[in-house]
Amino acid sequence: MSNAYSSRRDHPHAHAADDHDHDHDHRGLRGRKLLLAFALTTVTMLAEIAGGLWSGSLALLTDGGHMMVDALALLMAYVGARMALRPADARRSYGYGRMEVLVGFVNALSQFVLVAWVVWEAVQRLLHPGEILSGMMLAVAIVGLLVNLLVLRSLHGHAHDDINLAGASLHVLGDLLGSVAAVLAALAIRAFGWLWADPLLSVLVAMLILVSAWRLLRRSAHILLEGVPDGMDCIEVEAALQGAHASIRGVHHLHVWQLASGSRMATLHAELHDPADAASALRALNRLLRERFGIEHVTVQIDPEDCLDQARGCAGHGHG
């Protein structure tokens, strides 16, 4: 670091306290939604696995197996949401908010394992078709479809940046698609005797799940790698900061990243024409980042002279 002084200033304390309470309540509500989703998913999972074994339907077993993974994923998501409520301590100064991102990352990976199993089982069913009780299959699939709609509705409305609920919703959406496939396969078998419809639709659903899982994996990995938040241009942020206050001579060593669930953070160096304007410049920088870019947690180092550090570009999070 240069021979400068650092200043870490967020928004006013009253505003920060209100935001903390609001965030705490929001996380608590998400936790309750996830717990309800876990209970409903577990009950439906048991019904679909039993129905799949009884009727001989791969589509039902696929959806039941998927829901088994999802029940665990929802439980993990609930634990992640609860841990995110824990305050920062001496060992984890940022708290446990990133646990949500880790859970979302694991949830995405678990989907790849499930897809591999479904494809393998579908190939076996296509090569060696067996009898399927379409009536039993249809009844259980419709019940599963209704429950999945209820669960997905309960999770609807999560924040765009909420990786934890995004991961949980991805699993439930996969369950919903699996139930739709099971219903369609049951109708095709009942009306036309197309036994191949059961494994074929199972593979189709597996491919849709694979695409969504890949997107979630990339999204959560980007946050874990402390990349610049989606939709934010670091060059644009730096240019805006240059004009935040008349006393600012230059801005460099800008790093912007996301901790979890929309918690955006930034660090930067600022050079001033007159160090006496430091307080007003800091207020202007914090206000601009908060109001225009949604960055609440900001650390600013004021350089009273030319910065001694050689690297001066802007990037994702790093050590300037």
Protein backbone atom coordinates (compact mmCIF):
# COMPACT_ATOMS: atom_id res chain seq x y z
CA MET A 1 0.00 0.00 0.00
CA SER A 2 1.18 3.57 -0.54
CA ASN A 3 2.02 6.00 2.22
CA ALA A 4 -1.57 7.12 2.40
CA TYR A 5 -4.35 6.93 4.89
CA SER A 6 -7.40 4.72 4.40
CA SER A 7 -11.00 5.49 5.17
CA ARG A 8 -13.85 3.00 5.23
CA ARG A 9 -17.21 4.71 5.12
CA ASP A 10 -20.54 3.15 4.37
CA HIS A 11 -23.94 4.82 4.42
CA PRO A 12 -25.12 6.50 7.63
CA HIS A 13 -25.44 4.29 10.70
CA ALA A 14 -29.22 4.57 10.97
CA HIS A 15 -29.57 3.62 7.32
CA ALA A 16 -27.19 0.70 7.84
CA ALA A 17 -29.15 -0.55 10.86
CA ASP A 18 -32.41 -0.42 8.92
CA ASP A 19 -30.85 -2.29 5.99
CA HIS A 20 -29.41 -4.91 8.37
CA ASP A 21 -32.79 -5.51 10.02
CA HIS A 22 -34.52 -5.67 6.63
CA ASP A 23 -31.91 -8.10 5.29
CA HIS A 24 -32.21 -10.24 8.44
CA ASP A 25 -36.01 -10.41 8.10
CA HIS A 26 -35.73 -11.19 4.38
CA ARG A 27 -33.29 -14.02 5.01
CA GLY A 28 -35.56 -15.38 7.77
CA LEU A 29 -38.53 -15.42 5.37
CA ARG A 30 -36.45 -17.25 2.77
CA GLY A 31 -35.52 -19.83 5.39
CA ARG A 32 -39.18 -20.51 6.21
CA LYS A 33 -40.03 -20.87 2.52
CA LEU A 34 -37.21 -23.37 2.06
CA LEU A 35 -38.31 -25.41 5.08
CA LEU A 36 -41.88 -25.64 3.75
CA ALA A 37 -40.55 -26.60 0.31
CA PHE A 38 -38.39 -29.31 1.90
CA ALA A 39 -41.35 -30.84 3.75
CA LEU A 40 -43.63 -30.89 0.67
CA THR A 41 -40.86 -32.22 -1.57
CA THR A 42 -40.00 -35.06 0.82
CA VAL A 43 -43.61 -36.26 1.04
CA THR A 44 -44.05 -36.12 -2.75
CA MET A 45 -40.70 -37.86 -3.28
CA LEU A 46 -41.82 -40.85 -1.21
CA ALA A 47 -45.10 -41.03 -3.14
CA GLU A 48 -43.40 -40.87 -6.56
CA ILE A 49 -40.74 -43.45 -5.73
CA ALA A 50 -43.41 -45.82 -4.42
CA GLY A 51 -45.59 -45.13 -7.47
CA GLY A 52 -42.67 -45.62 -9.85
CA LEU A 53 -41.74 -48.97 -8.33
CA TRP A 54 -45.36 -50.09 -8.33
CA SER A 55 -46.14 -48.99 -11.89
CA GLY A 56 -42.73 -49.67 -13.46
CA SER A 57 -42.41 -46.08 -14.75
CA LEU A 58 -38.92 -44.62 -15.26
CA ALA A 59 -40.41 -41.14 -15.57
CA LEU A 60 -41.87 -41.43 -12.07
CA LEU A 61 -38.68 -42.96 -10.70
CA THR A 62 -36.67 -40.22 -12.41
CA ASP A 63 -38.82 -37.53 -10.88
CA GLY A 64 -38.77 -39.33 -7.53
CA GLY A 65 -34.98 -39.68 -7.67
CA HIS A 66 -34.72 -36.07 -8.71
CA MET A 67 -36.88 -35.08 -5.77
CA MET A 68 -34.68 -37.11 -3.43
CA VAL A 69 -31.70 -35.02 -4.54
CA ASP A 70 -33.88 -31.92 -4.32
CA ALA A 71 -35.05 -32.69 -0.79
CA LEU A 72 -31.40 -32.81 0.27
CA ALA A 73 -30.68 -29.67 -1.76
CA LEU A 74 -33.56 -27.79 -0.15
CA LEU A 75 -32.39 -28.91 3.28
CA MET A 76 -28.88 -27.66 2.44
CA ALA A 77 -30.36 -24.41 1.15
CA TYR A 78 -32.29 -23.99 4.41
CA VAL A 79 -29.14 -24.59 6.44
CA GLY A 80 -27.30 -22.11 4.22
CA ALA A 81 -29.99 -19.47 4.73
CA ARG A 82 -29.90 -20.02 8.50
CA MET A 83 -26.12 -19.81 8.62
CA ALA A 84 -26.24 -16.60 6.59
CA LEU A 85 -28.10 -15.04 9.54
CA ARG A 86 -25.11 -15.58 11.82
CA PRO A 87 -23.16 -12.37 12.51
CA ALA A 88 -19.54 -11.80 11.61
CA ASP A 89 -16.95 -12.99 14.10
CA ALA A 90 -13.19 -12.73 14.64
CA ARG A 91 -12.46 -15.50 12.11
CA ARG A 92 -15.04 -14.54 9.45
CA SER A 93 -15.22 -10.77 9.26
CA TYR A 94 -17.77 -10.88 6.42
CA GLY A 95 -20.02 -13.32 8.27
CA TYR A 96 -21.51 -16.43 6.69
CA GLY A 97 -23.42 -14.91 3.78
CA ARG A 98 -21.32 -16.71 1.18
CA MET A 99 -22.60 -20.06 2.49
CA GLU A 100 -25.61 -19.48 0.23
CA VAL A 101 -23.37 -19.35 -2.83
CA LEU A 102 -21.55 -22.54 -1.80
CA VAL A 103 -24.87 -24.34 -1.42
CA GLY A 104 -26.00 -23.15 -4.86
CA PHE A 105 -22.71 -24.39 -6.34
CA VAL A 106 -23.13 -27.85 -4.77
CA ASN A 107 -26.76 -28.00 -5.88
CA ALA A 108 -25.73 -27.39 -9.48
CA LEU A 109 -23.08 -30.13 -9.32
CA SER A 110 -25.59 -32.62 -7.91
CA GLN A 111 -27.78 -32.12 -10.97
CA PHE A 112 -25.01 -33.39 -13.26
CA VAL A 113 -24.90 -36.66 -11.30
CA LEU A 114 -28.67 -37.04 -11.53
CA VAL A 115 -28.71 -36.39 -15.30
CA ALA A 116 -26.05 -39.07 -15.86
CA TRP A 117 -28.12 -41.62 -13.93
CA VAL A 118 -31.32 -40.77 -15.83
CA VAL A 119 -29.65 -41.11 -19.24
CA TRP A 120 -28.10 -44.44 -18.28
CA GLU A 121 -31.39 -45.81 -16.97
CA ALA A 122 -33.31 -44.54 -20.02
CA VAL A 123 -30.97 -46.36 -22.40
CA GLN A 124 -31.56 -49.58 -20.47
CA ARG A 125 -35.33 -49.09 -20.63
CA LEU A 126 -35.24 -48.41 -24.38
CA LEU A 127 -33.23 -51.58 -24.96
CA HIS A 128 -35.30 -53.65 -22.57
CA PRO A 129 -38.83 -52.19 -22.23
CA GLY A 130 -41.05 -53.51 -19.46
CA GLU A 131 -44.71 -53.35 -18.48
CA ILE A 132 -45.95 -49.99 -17.13
CA LEU A 133 -49.19 -49.43 -15.19
CA SER A 134 -50.22 -46.18 -16.88
CA GLY A 135 -53.24 -45.52 -14.63
CA MET A 136 -51.20 -45.59 -11.42
CA MET A 137 -48.43 -43.63 -13.14
CA LEU A 138 -50.85 -40.91 -14.29
CA ALA A 139 -52.47 -40.45 -10.87
CA VAL A 140 -49.15 -40.13 -9.02
CA ALA A 141 -47.70 -37.83 -11.70
CA ILE A 142 -50.66 -35.43 -11.44
CA VAL A 143 -50.31 -35.25 -7.66
CA GLY A 144 -46.58 -34.59 -8.05
CA LEU A 145 -47.26 -31.88 -10.63
CA LEU A 146 -49.68 -30.06 -8.31
CA VAL A 147 -47.30 -30.22 -5.35
CA ASN A 148 -44.36 -28.98 -7.44
CA LEU A 149 -46.45 -26.04 -8.66
CA LEU A 150 -47.24 -25.18 -5.05
CA VAL A 151 -43.59 -25.41 -3.98
CA LEU A 152 -42.34 -23.36 -6.95
CA ARG A 153 -44.93 -20.69 -6.21
CA SER A 154 -43.79 -20.51 -2.59
CA LEU A 155 -40.19 -19.91 -3.71
CA HIS A 156 -41.17 -17.43 -6.42
CA GLY A 157 -40.06 -13.83 -6.09
CA HIS A 158 -36.53 -14.36 -4.78
CA ALA A 159 -33.96 -11.69 -5.48
CA HIS A 160 -32.13 -11.93 -8.79
CA ASP A 161 -28.79 -12.18 -6.99
CA ASP A 162 -29.96 -14.81 -4.49
CA ILE A 163 -27.90 -17.85 -5.53
CA ASN A 164 -29.28 -20.00 -2.72
CA LEU A 165 -32.95 -19.65 -3.66
CA ALA A 166 -32.03 -19.73 -7.35
CA GLY A 167 -30.45 -23.14 -6.78
CA ALA A 168 -33.46 -24.38 -4.83
CA SER A 169 -35.85 -23.07 -7.48
CA LEU A 170 -33.81 -24.81 -10.17
CA HIS A 171 -34.29 -28.15 -8.43
CA VAL A 172 -38.03 -27.60 -8.00
CA LEU A 173 -38.36 -26.52 -11.63
CA GLY A 174 -36.68 -29.76 -12.62
CA ASP A 175 -39.21 -31.63 -10.48
CA LEU A 176 -42.04 -29.78 -12.20
CA LEU A 177 -40.73 -30.65 -15.66
CA GLY A 178 -40.30 -34.25 -14.53
CA SER A 179 -43.92 -34.38 -13.39
CA VAL A 180 -45.09 -32.92 -16.71
CA ALA A 181 -43.04 -35.54 -18.56
CA ALA A 182 -44.52 -38.29 -16.40
CA VAL A 183 -48.05 -37.10 -17.12
CA LEU A 184 -47.41 -36.94 -20.87
CA ALA A 185 -45.71 -40.34 -20.89
CA ALA A 186 -48.61 -41.88 -18.95
CA LEU A 187 -51.12 -40.45 -21.41
CA ALA A 188 -49.09 -41.70 -24.40
CA ILE A 189 -48.80 -45.20 -22.92
CA ARG A 190 -52.47 -45.29 -21.96
CA ALA A 191 -53.70 -44.06 -25.35
CA PHE A 192 -51.22 -45.61 -27.80
CA GLY A 193 -49.16 -48.14 -25.87
CA TRP A 194 -45.94 -46.21 -26.52
CA LEU A 195 -43.67 -47.65 -23.84
CA TRP A 196 -40.70 -45.77 -25.32
CA ALA A 197 -42.34 -42.45 -24.37
CA ASP A 198 -41.48 -43.03 -20.71
CA PRO A 199 -37.65 -43.16 -21.04
CA LEU A 200 -37.57 -40.72 -23.97
CA LEU A 201 -39.36 -37.96 -22.09
CA SER A 202 -37.17 -38.66 -19.05
CA VAL A 203 -34.05 -37.95 -21.14
CA LEU A 204 -35.63 -34.78 -22.57
CA VAL A 205 -36.27 -33.47 -19.05
CA ALA A 206 -32.72 -34.45 -18.04
CA MET A 207 -31.30 -32.33 -20.87
CA LEU A 208 -33.36 -29.31 -19.82
CA ILE A 209 -32.11 -29.74 -16.26
CA LEU A 210 -28.54 -29.97 -17.55
CA VAL A 211 -28.76 -26.60 -19.29
CA SER A 212 -30.15 -24.88 -16.18
CA ALA A 213 -27.59 -26.58 -13.94
CA TRP A 214 -24.75 -25.34 -16.15
CA ARG A 215 -26.03 -21.77 -15.93
CA LEU A 216 -26.28 -21.94 -12.16
CA LEU A 217 -22.82 -23.50 -11.92
CA ARG A 218 -21.27 -20.69 -13.97
CA ARG A 219 -23.15 -18.04 -12.01
CA SER A 220 -22.18 -19.33 -8.56
CA ALA A 221 -18.57 -20.04 -9.65
CA HIS A 222 -18.29 -16.45 -10.90
CA ILE A 223 -19.25 -15.14 -7.45
CA LEU A 224 -16.93 -17.57 -5.67
CA LEU A 225 -14.10 -16.35 -7.93
CA GLU A 226 -15.04 -12.79 -6.88
CA GLY A 227 -15.79 -11.64 -10.39
CA VAL A 228 -17.46 -8.33 -11.24
CA PRO A 229 -21.24 -8.64 -10.63
CA ASP A 230 -23.33 -9.46 -13.69
CA GLY A 231 -24.54 -6.40 -15.56
CA MET A 232 -21.84 -4.15 -14.14
CA ASP A 233 -19.04 -2.66 -16.24
CA CYS A 234 -15.97 -1.93 -14.10
CA ILE A 235 -14.68 0.63 -16.62
CA GLU A 236 -18.02 2.46 -16.46
CA VAL A 237 -17.89 2.49 -12.65
CA GLU A 238 -14.38 3.93 -12.67
CA ALA A 239 -15.35 6.63 -15.15
CA ALA A 240 -18.36 7.60 -13.05
CA LEU A 241 -16.22 7.80 -9.90
CA GLN A 242 -13.78 10.16 -11.66
CA GLY A 243 -16.59 12.72 -11.92
CA ALA A 244 -18.18 12.13 -8.52
CA HIS A 245 -16.54 15.21 -6.96
CA ALA A 246 -14.60 18.19 -8.28
CA SER A 247 -11.63 17.50 -6.00
CA ILE A 248 -11.03 14.01 -7.40
CA ARG A 249 -7.90 13.95 -9.56
CA GLY A 250 -7.92 10.23 -10.31
CA VAL A 251 -9.41 6.87 -9.31
CA HIS A 252 -7.53 3.59 -9.59
CA HIS A 253 -7.12 0.15 -7.97
CA LEU A 254 -10.89 -0.26 -8.28
CA HIS A 255 -12.13 -3.73 -7.34
CA VAL A 256 -15.83 -4.65 -7.42
CA TRP A 257 -17.20 -8.00 -6.37
CA GLN A 258 -20.19 -9.68 -4.79
CA LEU A 259 -20.22 -11.43 -1.44
CA ALA A 260 -23.63 -13.14 -1.73
CA SER A 261 -27.30 -12.47 -2.40
CA GLY A 262 -26.83 -9.04 -3.95
CA SER A 263 -24.26 -7.90 -1.37
CA ARG A 264 -21.99 -5.88 -3.65
CA MET A 265 -18.69 -4.50 -2.39
CA ALA A 266 -15.97 -2.23 -3.71
CA THR A 267 -12.48 -0.99 -2.82
CA LEU A 268 -10.61 1.81 -4.57
CA HIS A 269 -7.84 4.41 -4.34
CA ALA A 270 -8.66 8.07 -4.95
CA GLU A 271 -6.20 10.91 -5.61
CA LEU A 272 -7.36 14.42 -4.71
CA HIS A 273 -6.30 17.89 -5.82
CA ASP A 274 -6.64 19.04 -2.22
CA PRO A 275 -6.50 16.50 0.67
CA ALA A 276 -8.62 18.92 2.73
CA ASP A 277 -11.59 17.88 0.58
CA ALA A 278 -11.26 14.23 1.64
CA ALA A 279 -14.45 14.09 3.74
CA SER A 280 -16.73 15.57 1.07
CA ALA A 281 -15.09 13.44 -1.65
CA LEU A 282 -15.66 10.29 0.40
CA ARG A 283 -19.33 11.14 0.86
CA ALA A 284 -19.71 11.74 -2.88
CA LEU A 285 -17.99 8.45 -3.79
CA ASN A 286 -20.10 6.44 -1.36
CA ARG A 287 -23.32 8.11 -2.47
CA LEU A 288 -22.63 7.50 -6.16
CA LEU A 289 -21.74 3.84 -5.65
CA ARG A 290 -24.80 3.24 -3.48
CA GLU A 291 -27.39 5.07 -5.57
CA ARG A 292 -26.20 4.31 -9.11
CA PHE A 293 -24.57 0.90 -8.77
CA GLY A 294 -26.18 -0.60 -5.65
CA ILE A 295 -22.83 -0.98 -3.86
CA GLU A 296 -23.40 -0.50 -0.13
CA HIS A 297 -20.09 -1.66 1.33
CA VAL A 298 -17.24 0.60 0.14
CA THR A 299 -13.62 0.95 1.27
CA VAL A 300 -11.78 4.01 -0.06
CA GLN A 301 -8.10 4.83 0.31
CA ILE A 302 -7.23 8.47 -0.19
CA ASP A 303 -3.75 9.00 -1.65
CA PRO A 304 -2.47 12.47 -0.63
CA GLU A 305 0.19 12.20 -3.34
CA ASP A 306 0.82 10.01 -6.38
CA CYS A 307 0.09 6.36 -5.61
CA LEU A 308 3.26 4.32 -5.17
CA ASP A 309 1.64 1.09 -6.39
CA GLN A 310 2.41 0.40 -10.03
CA ALA A 311 -0.63 -1.64 -11.07
CA ARG A 312 -3.53 0.77 -11.51
CA GLY A 313 -6.23 -1.02 -13.51
CA CYS A 314 -9.74 -1.85 -12.41
CA ALA A 315 -10.83 -5.44 -12.00
CA GLY A 316 -12.78 -7.86 -9.90
CA HIS A 317 -11.79 -8.27 -6.27
CA GLY A 318 -8.10 -8.57 -5.58
CA HIS A 319 -5.31 -7.13 -3.50
CA GLY A 320 -4.16 -3.78 -4.79
